[in-house]
PDB file of N, CA and C in Angstrom:
ATOM      1  N   UNK A   1     -44.069  81.921  49.185  1.00  0.00           N
ATOM      2  CA  UNK A   1     -43.429  80.986  50.074  1.00  0.00           C
ATOM      3  C   UNK A   1     -41.963  80.871  49.695  1.00  0.00           C
ATOM      4  N   UNK A   2     -41.213  81.913  49.957  1.00  0.00           N
ATOM      5  CA  UNK A   2     -39.787  81.832  49.695  1.00  0.00           C
ATOM      6  C   UNK A   2     -39.127  80.843  50.632  1.00  0.00           C
ATOM      7  N   UNK A   3     -39.473  80.907  51.896  1.00  0.00           N
ATOM      8  CA  UNK A   3     -38.986  79.926  52.858  1.00  0.00           C
ATOM      9  C   UNK A   3     -40.180  79.177  53.440  1.00  0.00           C
ATOM     10  N   UNK A   4     -40.215  77.848  53.310  1.00  0.00           N
ATOM     11  CA  UNK A   4     -41.370  77.095  53.789  1.00  0.00           C
ATOM     12  C   UNK A   4     -41.396  76.997  55.310  1.00  0.00           C
ATOM     13  N   UNK A   5     -42.596  76.756  55.842  1.00  0.00           N
ATOM     14  CA  UNK A   5     -42.744  76.587  57.280  1.00  0.00           C
ATOM     15  C   UNK A   5     -42.197  75.242  57.744  1.00  0.00           C
ATOM     16  N   UNK A   6     -42.368  74.213  56.939  1.00  0.00           N
ATOM     17  CA  UNK A   6     -41.863  72.895  57.308  1.00  0.00           C
ATOM     18  C   UNK A   6     -40.370  72.796  56.995  1.00  0.00           C
ATOM     19  N   UNK A   7     -39.773  71.705  57.396  1.00  0.00           N
ATOM     20  CA  UNK A   7     -38.332  71.564  57.198  1.00  0.00           C
ATOM     21  C   UNK A   7     -38.081  70.741  55.939  1.00  0.00           C
ATOM     22  N   UNK A   8     -38.486  71.274  54.811  1.00  0.00           N
ATOM     23  CA  UNK A   8     -38.249  70.646  53.505  1.00  0.00           C
ATOM     24  C   UNK A   8     -37.727  71.723  52.577  1.00  0.00           C
ATOM     25  N   UNK A   9     -36.436  71.893  52.498  1.00  0.00           N
ATOM     26  CA  UNK A   9     -35.924  72.954  51.629  1.00  0.00           C
ATOM     27  C   UNK A   9     -36.241  72.736  50.165  1.00  0.00           C
ATOM     28  N   UNK A  10     -36.514  71.501  49.765  1.00  0.00           N
ATOM     29  CA  UNK A  10     -36.809  71.239  48.356  1.00  0.00           C
ATOM     30  C   UNK A  10     -38.190  71.721  47.932  1.00  0.00           C
ATOM     31  N   UNK A  11     -38.957  72.326  48.842  1.00  0.00           N
ATOM     32  CA  UNK A  11     -40.246  72.900  48.470  1.00  0.00           C
ATOM     33  C   UNK A  11     -40.214  74.425  48.491  1.00  0.00           C
ATOM     34  N   UNK A  12     -39.041  74.999  48.616  1.00  0.00           N
ATOM     35  CA  UNK A  12     -38.943  76.457  48.675  1.00  0.00           C
ATOM     36  C   UNK A  12     -38.646  77.049  47.299  1.00  0.00           C
ATOM     37  N   UNK A  13     -38.994  78.299  47.136  1.00  0.00           N
ATOM     38  CA  UNK A  13     -38.711  79.017  45.898  1.00  0.00           C
ATOM     39  C   UNK A  13     -37.201  79.124  45.698  1.00  0.00           C
ATOM     40  N   UNK A  14     -36.444  79.289  46.778  1.00  0.00           N
ATOM     41  CA  UNK A  14     -34.986  79.365  46.678  1.00  0.00           C
ATOM     42  C   UNK A  14     -34.413  78.096  46.043  1.00  0.00           C
ATOM     43  N   UNK A  15     -34.889  76.957  46.495  1.00  0.00           N
ATOM     44  CA  UNK A  15     -34.402  75.683  45.967  1.00  0.00           C
ATOM     45  C   UNK A  15     -34.772  75.540  44.490  1.00  0.00           C
ATOM     46  N   UNK A  16     -36.042  75.785  44.172  1.00  0.00           N
ATOM     47  CA  UNK A  16     -36.488  75.678  42.783  1.00  0.00           C
ATOM     48  C   UNK A  16     -35.731  76.650  41.882  1.00  0.00           C
ATOM     49  N   UNK A  17     -35.515  77.855  42.373  1.00  0.00           N
ATOM     50  CA  UNK A  17     -34.786  78.856  41.581  1.00  0.00           C
ATOM     51  C   UNK A  17     -33.344  78.414  41.351  1.00  0.00           C
ATOM     52  N   UNK A  18     -32.738  77.802  42.347  1.00  0.00           N
ATOM     53  CA  UNK A  18     -31.373  77.295  42.187  1.00  0.00           C
ATOM     54  C   UNK A  18     -31.327  76.191  41.135  1.00  0.00           C
ATOM     55  N   UNK A  19     -32.320  75.310  41.144  1.00  0.00           N
ATOM     56  CA  UNK A  19     -32.381  74.243  40.142  1.00  0.00           C
ATOM     57  C   UNK A  19     -32.608  74.826  38.746  1.00  0.00           C
ATOM     58  N   UNK A  20     -33.451  75.831  38.656  1.00  0.00           N
ATOM     59  CA  UNK A  20     -33.715  76.491  37.377  1.00  0.00           C
ATOM     60  C   UNK A  20     -32.451  77.161  36.854  1.00  0.00           C
ATOM     61  N   UNK A  21     -31.764  77.862  37.726  1.00  0.00           N
ATOM     62  CA  UNK A  21     -30.528  78.542  37.342  1.00  0.00           C
ATOM     63  C   UNK A  21     -29.468  77.537  36.894  1.00  0.00           C
ATOM     64  N   UNK A  22     -29.407  76.414  37.558  1.00  0.00           N
ATOM     65  CA  UNK A  22     -28.453  75.361  37.192  1.00  0.00           C
ATOM     66  C   UNK A  22     -28.728  74.842  35.782  1.00  0.00           C
ATOM     67  N   UNK A  23     -30.011  74.626  35.466  1.00  0.00           N
ATOM     68  CA  UNK A  23     -30.377  74.152  34.120  1.00  0.00           C
ATOM     69  C   UNK A  23     -30.014  75.179  33.055  1.00  0.00           C
ATOM     70  N   UNK A  24     -30.270  76.442  33.343  1.00  0.00           N
ATOM     71  CA  UNK A  24     -29.968  77.492  32.364  1.00  0.00           C
ATOM     72  C   UNK A  24     -28.462  77.610  32.157  1.00  0.00           C
ATOM     73  N   UNK A  25     -27.685  77.496  33.222  1.00  0.00           N
ATOM     74  CA  UNK A  25     -26.224  77.595  33.111  1.00  0.00           C
ATOM     75  C   UNK A  25     -25.625  76.418  32.356  1.00  0.00           C
ATOM     76  N   UNK A  26     -26.222  75.244  32.485  1.00  0.00           N
ATOM     77  CA  UNK A  26     -25.685  74.044  31.844  1.00  0.00           C
ATOM     78  C   UNK A  26     -25.914  74.022  30.342  1.00  0.00           C
ATOM     79  N   UNK A  27     -26.883  74.760  29.878  1.00  0.00           N
ATOM     80  CA  UNK A  27     -27.255  74.708  28.469  1.00  0.00           C
ATOM     81  C   UNK A  27     -26.493  75.744  27.645  1.00  0.00           C
ATOM     82  N   UNK A  28     -26.157  75.363  26.438  1.00  0.00           N
ATOM     83  CA  UNK A  28     -25.530  76.294  25.501  1.00  0.00           C
ATOM     84  C   UNK A  28     -26.600  77.159  24.851  1.00  0.00           C
ATOM     85  N   UNK A  29     -27.698  76.529  24.458  1.00  0.00           N
ATOM     86  CA  UNK A  29     -28.817  77.232  23.820  1.00  0.00           C
ATOM     87  C   UNK A  29     -29.799  77.706  24.889  1.00  0.00           C
ATOM     88  N   UNK A  30     -30.405  78.875  24.713  1.00  0.00           N
ATOM     89  CA  UNK A  30     -31.422  79.329  25.678  1.00  0.00           C
ATOM     90  C   UNK A  30     -32.693  78.493  25.576  1.00  0.00           C
ATOM     91  N   UNK A  31     -33.377  78.353  26.702  1.00  0.00           N
ATOM     92  CA  UNK A  31     -34.632  77.613  26.758  1.00  0.00           C
ATOM     93  C   UNK A  31     -35.809  78.569  26.603  1.00  0.00           C
ATOM     94  N   UNK A  32     -36.852  78.123  25.901  1.00  0.00           N
ATOM     95  CA  UNK A  32     -38.102  78.863  25.919  1.00  0.00           C
ATOM     96  C   UNK A  32     -38.723  78.668  27.302  1.00  0.00           C
ATOM     97  N   UNK A  33     -39.585  79.590  27.699  1.00  0.00           N
ATOM     98  CA  UNK A  33     -40.152  79.569  29.050  1.00  0.00           C
ATOM     99  C   UNK A  33     -40.873  78.252  29.348  1.00  0.00           C
ATOM    100  N   UNK A  34     -41.728  77.826  28.440  1.00  0.00           N
ATOM    101  CA  UNK A  34     -42.510  76.607  28.665  1.00  0.00           C
ATOM    102  C   UNK A  34     -41.616  75.374  28.617  1.00  0.00           C
ATOM    103  N   UNK A  35     -40.675  75.363  27.690  1.00  0.00           N
ATOM    104  CA  UNK A  35     -39.749  74.241  27.571  1.00  0.00           C
ATOM    105  C   UNK A  35     -38.940  74.074  28.857  1.00  0.00           C
ATOM    106  N   UNK A  36     -38.481  75.170  29.429  1.00  0.00           N
ATOM    107  CA  UNK A  36     -37.711  75.119  30.672  1.00  0.00           C
ATOM    108  C   UNK A  36     -38.567  74.597  31.814  1.00  0.00           C
ATOM    109  N   UNK A  37     -39.839  74.957  31.843  1.00  0.00           N
ATOM    110  CA  UNK A  37     -40.736  74.441  32.883  1.00  0.00           C
ATOM    111  C   UNK A  37     -40.820  72.918  32.814  1.00  0.00           C
ATOM    112  N   UNK A  38     -41.018  72.377  31.624  1.00  0.00           N
ATOM    113  CA  UNK A  38     -41.140  70.927  31.492  1.00  0.00           C
ATOM    114  C   UNK A  38     -39.834  70.212  31.805  1.00  0.00           C
ATOM    115  N   UNK A  39     -38.716  70.807  31.474  1.00  0.00           N
ATOM    116  CA  UNK A  39     -37.423  70.210  31.809  1.00  0.00           C
ATOM    117  C   UNK A  39     -37.222  70.203  33.322  1.00  0.00           C
ATOM    118  N   UNK A  40     -37.562  71.301  33.975  1.00  0.00           N
ATOM    119  CA  UNK A  40     -37.447  71.379  35.427  1.00  0.00           C
ATOM    120  C   UNK A  40     -38.435  70.437  36.107  1.00  0.00           C
ATOM    121  N   UNK A  41     -39.600  70.284  35.530  1.00  0.00           N
ATOM    122  CA  UNK A  41     -40.640  69.414  36.081  1.00  0.00           C
ATOM    123  C   UNK A  41     -40.203  67.949  36.081  1.00  0.00           C
ATOM    124  N   UNK A  42     -39.317  67.556  35.169  1.00  0.00           N
ATOM    125  CA  UNK A  42     -38.823  66.178  35.118  1.00  0.00           C
ATOM    126  C   UNK A  42     -38.025  65.808  36.358  1.00  0.00           C
ATOM    127  N   UNK A  43     -37.322  66.760  36.936  1.00  0.00           N
ATOM    128  CA  UNK A  43     -36.445  66.468  38.074  1.00  0.00           C
ATOM    129  C   UNK A  43     -36.975  66.962  39.410  1.00  0.00           C
ATOM    130  N   UNK A  44     -37.932  67.887  39.389  1.00  0.00           N
ATOM    131  CA  UNK A  44     -38.505  68.412  40.628  1.00  0.00           C
ATOM    132  C   UNK A  44     -40.021  68.373  40.544  1.00  0.00           C
ATOM    133  N   UNK A  45     -40.665  68.488  41.673  1.00  0.00           N
ATOM    134  CA  UNK A  45     -42.124  68.492  41.717  1.00  0.00           C
ATOM    135  C   UNK A  45     -42.603  69.937  41.859  1.00  0.00           C
ATOM    136  N   UNK A  46     -42.332  70.738  40.851  1.00  0.00           N
ATOM    137  CA  UNK A  46     -42.641  72.166  40.893  1.00  0.00           C
ATOM    138  C   UNK A  46     -43.983  72.436  40.219  1.00  0.00           C
ATOM    139  N   UNK A  47     -44.755  73.316  40.822  1.00  0.00           N
ATOM    140  CA  UNK A  47     -46.022  73.722  40.212  1.00  0.00           C
ATOM    141  C   UNK A  47     -45.757  74.888  39.261  1.00  0.00           C
ATOM    142  N   UNK A  48     -46.717  75.147  38.409  1.00  0.00           N
ATOM    143  CA  UNK A  48     -46.575  76.252  37.468  1.00  0.00           C
ATOM    144  C   UNK A  48     -46.518  77.587  38.212  1.00  0.00           C
ATOM    145  N   UNK A  49     -47.282  77.704  39.289  1.00  0.00           N
ATOM    146  CA  UNK A  49     -47.272  78.928  40.096  1.00  0.00           C
ATOM    147  C   UNK A  49     -45.896  79.163  40.718  1.00  0.00           C
ATOM    148  N   UNK A  50     -45.302  78.126  41.284  1.00  0.00           N
ATOM    149  CA  UNK A  50     -43.969  78.265  41.883  1.00  0.00           C
ATOM    150  C   UNK A  50     -42.906  78.538  40.820  1.00  0.00           C
ATOM    151  N   UNK A  51     -43.091  77.968  39.638  1.00  0.00           N
ATOM    152  CA  UNK A  51     -42.170  78.232  38.536  1.00  0.00           C
ATOM    153  C   UNK A  51     -42.207  79.713  38.152  1.00  0.00           C
ATOM    154  N   UNK A  52     -43.408  80.265  38.096  1.00  0.00           N
ATOM    155  CA  UNK A  52     -43.553  81.692  37.778  1.00  0.00           C
ATOM    156  C   UNK A  52     -42.909  82.549  38.864  1.00  0.00           C
ATOM    157  N   UNK A  53     -43.081  82.154  40.133  1.00  0.00           N
ATOM    158  CA  UNK A  53     -42.434  82.875  41.229  1.00  0.00           C
ATOM    159  C   UNK A  53     -40.911  82.826  41.092  1.00  0.00           C
ATOM    160  N   UNK A  54     -40.385  81.670  40.695  1.00  0.00           N
ATOM    161  CA  UNK A  54     -38.933  81.533  40.508  1.00  0.00           C
ATOM    162  C   UNK A  54     -38.433  82.465  39.417  1.00  0.00           C
ATOM    163  N   UNK A  55     -39.116  82.483  38.290  1.00  0.00           N
ATOM    164  CA  UNK A  55     -38.717  83.368  37.203  1.00  0.00           C
ATOM    165  C   UNK A  55     -38.789  84.825  37.628  1.00  0.00           C
ATOM    166  N   UNK A  56     -39.856  85.176  38.346  1.00  0.00           N
ATOM    167  CA  UNK A  56     -39.990  86.551  38.836  1.00  0.00           C
ATOM    168  C   UNK A  56     -38.844  86.912  39.763  1.00  0.00           C
ATOM    169  N   UNK A  57     -38.552  86.044  40.705  1.00  0.00           N
ATOM    170  CA  UNK A  57     -37.503  86.314  41.686  1.00  0.00           C
ATOM    171  C   UNK A  57     -36.129  86.414  41.015  1.00  0.00           C
ATOM    172  N   UNK A  58     -35.832  85.488  40.106  1.00  0.00           N
ATOM    173  CA  UNK A  58     -34.547  85.523  39.405  1.00  0.00           C
ATOM    174  C   UNK A  58     -34.427  86.761  38.524  1.00  0.00           C
ATOM    175  N   UNK A  59     -35.546  87.215  37.960  1.00  0.00           N
ATOM    176  CA  UNK A  59     -35.527  88.444  37.181  1.00  0.00           C
ATOM    177  C   UNK A  59     -35.278  89.652  38.086  1.00  0.00           C
ATOM    178  N   UNK A  60     -35.929  89.681  39.232  1.00  0.00           N
ATOM    179  CA  UNK A  60     -35.773  90.805  40.154  1.00  0.00           C
ATOM    180  C   UNK A  60     -34.358  90.954  40.696  1.00  0.00           C
ATOM    181  N   UNK A  61     -33.668  89.840  40.849  1.00  0.00           N
ATOM    182  CA  UNK A  61     -32.285  89.916  41.350  1.00  0.00           C
ATOM    183  C   UNK A  61     -31.268  89.953  40.212  1.00  0.00           C
ATOM    184  N   UNK A  62     -31.741  90.149  38.986  1.00  0.00           N
ATOM    185  CA  UNK A  62     -30.896  90.247  37.789  1.00  0.00           C
ATOM    186  C   UNK A  62     -30.058  88.999  37.535  1.00  0.00           C
ATOM    187  N   UNK A  63     -30.647  87.843  37.762  1.00  0.00           N
ATOM    188  CA  UNK A  63     -29.954  86.591  37.467  1.00  0.00           C
ATOM    189  C   UNK A  63     -30.308  86.092  36.065  1.00  0.00           C
ATOM    190  N   UNK A  64     -31.572  86.258  35.664  1.00  0.00           N
ATOM    191  CA  UNK A  64     -32.007  85.856  34.325  1.00  0.00           C
ATOM    192  C   UNK A  64     -32.877  86.952  33.732  1.00  0.00           C
ATOM    193  N   UNK A  65     -33.043  86.865  32.426  1.00  0.00           N
ATOM    194  CA  UNK A  65     -33.965  87.767  31.738  1.00  0.00           C
ATOM    195  C   UNK A  65     -34.599  86.987  30.587  1.00  0.00           C
ATOM    196  N   UNK A  66     -35.654  87.543  30.031  1.00  0.00           N
ATOM    197  CA  UNK A  66     -36.325  86.954  28.881  1.00  0.00           C
ATOM    198  C   UNK A  66     -35.938  87.783  27.663  1.00  0.00           C
ATOM    199  N   UNK A  67     -35.359  87.124  26.664  1.00  0.00           N
ATOM    200  CA  UNK A  67     -34.937  87.872  25.475  1.00  0.00           C
ATOM    201  C   UNK A  67     -36.108  88.098  24.519  1.00  0.00           C
ATOM    202  N   UNK A  68     -35.837  88.701  23.386  1.00  0.00           N
ATOM    203  CA  UNK A  68     -36.875  89.050  22.423  1.00  0.00           C
ATOM    204  C   UNK A  68     -37.595  87.827  21.861  1.00  0.00           C
ATOM    205  N   UNK A  69     -36.909  86.694  21.805  1.00  0.00           N
ATOM    206  CA  UNK A  69     -37.514  85.471  21.278  1.00  0.00           C
ATOM    207  C   UNK A  69     -38.350  84.743  22.321  1.00  0.00           C
ATOM    208  N   UNK A  70     -38.364  85.212  23.559  1.00  0.00           N
ATOM    209  CA  UNK A  70     -39.124  84.576  24.628  1.00  0.00           C
ATOM    210  C   UNK A  70     -38.365  83.459  25.323  1.00  0.00           C
ATOM    211  N   UNK A  71     -37.039  83.510  25.249  1.00  0.00           N
ATOM    212  CA  UNK A  71     -36.208  82.500  25.901  1.00  0.00           C
ATOM    213  C   UNK A  71     -35.590  83.045  27.169  1.00  0.00           C
ATOM    214  N   UNK A  72     -35.357  82.151  28.113  1.00  0.00           N
ATOM    215  CA  UNK A  72     -34.734  82.518  29.388  1.00  0.00           C
ATOM    216  C   UNK A  72     -33.224  82.468  29.204  1.00  0.00           C
ATOM    217  N   UNK A  73     -32.553  83.584  29.491  1.00  0.00           N
ATOM    218  CA  UNK A  73     -31.091  83.664  29.361  1.00  0.00           C
ATOM    219  C   UNK A  73     -30.503  84.266  30.624  1.00  0.00           C
ATOM    220  N   UNK A  74     -29.250  83.953  30.882  1.00  0.00           N
ATOM    221  CA  UNK A  74     -28.547  84.512  32.034  1.00  0.00           C
ATOM    222  C   UNK A  74     -28.218  85.973  31.802  1.00  0.00           C
ATOM    223  N   UNK A  75     -28.265  86.746  32.850  1.00  0.00           N
ATOM    224  CA  UNK A  75     -27.802  88.140  32.763  1.00  0.00           C
ATOM    225  C   UNK A  75     -26.291  88.142  32.896  1.00  0.00           C
ATOM    226  N   UNK A  76     -25.660  89.044  32.207  1.00  0.00           N
ATOM    227  CA  UNK A  76     -24.195  89.103  32.295  1.00  0.00           C
ATOM    228  C   UNK A  76     -23.740  90.210  33.191  1.00  0.00           C
TER     229      UNK A  76
END
């Protein structure tokens, strides 16, 4: 569900991915995958499935990657 059928952009993968990217950009230290989920969950009503879709999509477009320690980092 990249684009939802209803008119609620805050339930789309695009919106969640933008919020995730914003959190990663704001931080100096990289977030672990699970830690980032809980931080994002505080401000949005994201499910674990949609969170995984966001990470997949951001990885596919080369926006983020997972480093050797298992943390989410921005691609340069």
